[in-house]
Structure formats: structure tokens, C-alpha cells
Amino acid sequence: KRFLKNRGFTLIELLVVISIIGFLATASMVVFNSVRVKARNSKRNQDIKQLITAFSLAADNADGTIPSTGGSWVCVSASCYGGWVSYVANGTVDAAIAPYIRKPADPPDSSRGLGGYLFLNPGGDYGQGVGAYLHWLSESPVSCGPGFIYSGNYCMAKVVF
């Protein structure tokens, strides 16, 4: 008879189990979030490599030149958003790379406040010499990729024709 009376869990046991489940859920969310950040940064780096290839192919097709951006950064991604919304596309630059690439989309996130891929030609002196550059923003931890220039979360790649 005693055994049949104590078939339920006590409040303390339930609270312990709930707190353990909560801890495991929190720990897994932290791990999954860092994996998502790495995946978005990796996609950005791949997009930049593809843009560099598209610009190189466009330059090969145009006797080694790419249209000038008039000294201003222009958006070469599907969209530039947040703090970079003022950077607009340049039709001449878009037409030059259109046969080689569809405009990539910078994966949005809530931590950066801006996004997209920017292009400048001719560039100013950014410590690496005058030339054409691609510019994008990585998430922390910063992962601009090998061979790319970075300062803070801002990444740059020199486009070599």
C-alpha cells in the first residue's frame, strides 16, 4: 500500500529536471549560434571570391579594365542594407559583371546593423596601394578569410585585374 501512494514526483525533483533541461537548451543555443555566425562569414568569403572572379573575367573581356565608380563605393550585392543603404548600385559596373555572376545576397543578421558588398574603382590609398577594392563586414569572431585585408570587423579584398 505504501508503494502505490508515492507514485508522483516531488516539486524539488521537477524543478531540478526543468533546470537541467533549461541549462542544456541554453548551452546548445550558444553552440548553434556560433556555428551560424561561422556559416554566414564563410558564405560572405565565398561570395567575395566569386565577385573577384567575376571582376577578373569582366576585365579580361574588356582589355584589362573595369568601369570606374567615380571614386565612390557602390553596392554590388543584391542589396545593401542598414547603415549601407545609401550605397547604390552602378549600372555600368553591374553590366560588366552580370554575364559572370548573379548578384550575391549578404546573409542578414542582427548584430552588424549594416550589410552588403561594396566595390570601389579607382580606390584611394587604404594602406595597400591604389586600386579596386571589395568591402564587406564580418561578424565576430572576425573571419575575413586568408589573403583579405581587415580592420575590426571590416574586411577588404583588392581586386587584381
Foldseek 3Di string as FASTA:
>chain_A
DVVVVPPDDDPVVVVVVVVVVVVVVVVVVVVVVVVVQVVLLVVVLVLVVQVLVLVVVLCVVVVNDADAPPADKAFQAPAKDFPCNPHYHDPRNCVSSVVRDDHHDRDDDDPPRIWGKIKHPQYDCPVPDTAIKIKTFGDPVADNDPPWDDDDRIIMHGRGD
